[in-house]
């Protein structure tokens, strides 16, 4: 999977096996997790998405699938991502 350079970030936060639940406060982002992706990084475990909790702003990461990346890009295109704005041509 080829990741656009605009979305790459240094690996931030801790690896989170729970993926959709904040490691600090327990806030669930299950229904719209792609909106909370604030970057994509290369980590020792592979390519990960870095997410930011909307409640306590803790950053954590988890594996990134091709589907996750597609949903992330779609959320940007629709203006739903909280960290990236749509590209205007």
Protein backbone atom coordinates (compact mmCIF):
# COMPACT_ATOMS: atom_id res chain seq x y z
CA UNK A 1 0.00 0.00 0.00
CA UNK A 2 1.42 3.36 -1.03
CA UNK A 3 0.86 6.04 1.63
CA UNK A 4 0.63 9.68 0.52
CA UNK A 5 3.50 11.71 2.04
CA UNK A 6 1.06 14.34 3.31
CA UNK A 7 -0.31 11.88 5.85
CA UNK A 8 2.94 10.35 7.10
CA UNK A 9 4.02 11.18 10.63
CA UNK A 10 6.61 9.93 13.08
CA UNK A 11 5.28 7.05 15.16
CA UNK A 12 3.43 8.70 18.03
CA UNK A 13 1.76 7.20 21.05
CA UNK A 14 1.62 3.64 22.23
CA UNK A 15 0.44 0.58 20.33
CA UNK A 16 -3.19 -0.10 21.24
CA UNK A 17 -4.55 -3.61 20.77
CA UNK A 18 -8.07 -2.36 21.52
CA UNK A 19 -7.88 -0.17 18.38
CA UNK A 20 -11.17 1.69 18.90
CA UNK A 21 -10.92 2.48 22.63
CA UNK A 22 -8.64 5.09 24.21
CA UNK A 23 -5.96 3.60 26.44
CA UNK A 24 -6.27 6.49 28.92
CA UNK A 25 -9.95 7.36 29.31
CA UNK A 26 -11.78 4.50 27.57
CA UNK A 27 -13.58 6.69 25.01
CA UNK A 28 -14.81 4.57 22.11
CA UNK A 29 -14.31 5.81 18.54
CA UNK A 30 -15.64 2.61 16.96
CA UNK A 31 -18.38 4.23 14.86
CA UNK A 32 -16.14 6.83 13.22
CA UNK A 33 -12.52 5.91 13.97
CA UNK A 34 -11.28 7.05 10.54
CA UNK A 35 -12.21 10.64 11.47
CA UNK A 36 -9.72 10.52 14.35
CA UNK A 37 -6.70 9.32 12.36
CA UNK A 38 -4.14 12.12 12.63
CA UNK A 39 -1.33 10.44 10.71
CA UNK A 40 0.17 7.23 9.39
CA UNK A 41 3.53 5.94 10.55
CA UNK A 42 5.99 3.13 10.11
CA UNK A 43 6.47 1.34 13.43
CA UNK A 44 8.27 -1.84 14.49
CA UNK A 45 4.93 -3.68 14.15
CA UNK A 46 4.37 -2.40 10.57
CA UNK A 47 2.31 0.43 9.09
CA UNK A 48 0.05 1.96 11.73
CA UNK A 49 -2.58 4.66 11.91
CA UNK A 50 -2.08 7.22 14.66
CA UNK A 51 -5.37 8.21 16.28
CA UNK A 52 -6.14 11.00 18.73
CA UNK A 53 -8.80 10.56 21.40
CA UNK A 54 -11.47 13.29 21.04
CA UNK A 55 -11.96 13.38 24.83
CA UNK A 56 -8.47 13.43 26.39
CA UNK A 57 -6.33 13.93 23.24
CA UNK A 58 -4.14 10.89 23.96
CA UNK A 59 -2.46 9.59 20.81
CA UNK A 60 -2.23 5.86 20.16
CA UNK A 61 -1.64 3.66 17.15
CA UNK A 62 -2.78 0.35 15.70
CA UNK A 63 -2.24 -1.61 12.50
CA UNK A 64 -3.51 0.01 9.31
CA UNK A 65 -5.32 -2.11 6.74
CA UNK A 66 -6.00 -1.21 3.12
CA UNK A 67 -9.68 -0.76 4.03
CA UNK A 68 -8.78 1.55 6.93
CA UNK A 69 -6.64 3.67 4.60
CA UNK A 70 -9.47 3.89 2.06
CA UNK A 71 -11.95 4.98 4.76
CA UNK A 72 -9.43 7.52 6.03
CA UNK A 73 -8.98 9.03 2.54
CA UNK A 74 -12.76 9.06 2.02
CA UNK A 75 -13.26 10.90 5.34
CA UNK A 76 -10.81 13.57 4.18
CA UNK A 77 -12.51 13.89 0.79
CA UNK A 78 -15.90 14.36 2.50
CA UNK A 79 -14.46 16.87 4.99
CA UNK A 80 -15.16 14.60 7.97
CA UNK A 81 -11.61 13.99 9.20
CA UNK A 82 -10.79 16.19 12.19
CA UNK A 83 -7.10 16.57 11.32
CA UNK A 84 -6.91 16.92 7.52
CA UNK A 85 -8.90 19.12 5.16
CA UNK A 86 -10.02 18.12 1.65
CA UNK A 87 -7.62 18.88 -1.20
CA UNK A 88 -8.95 21.63 -3.43
CA UNK A 89 -7.85 21.43 -7.05
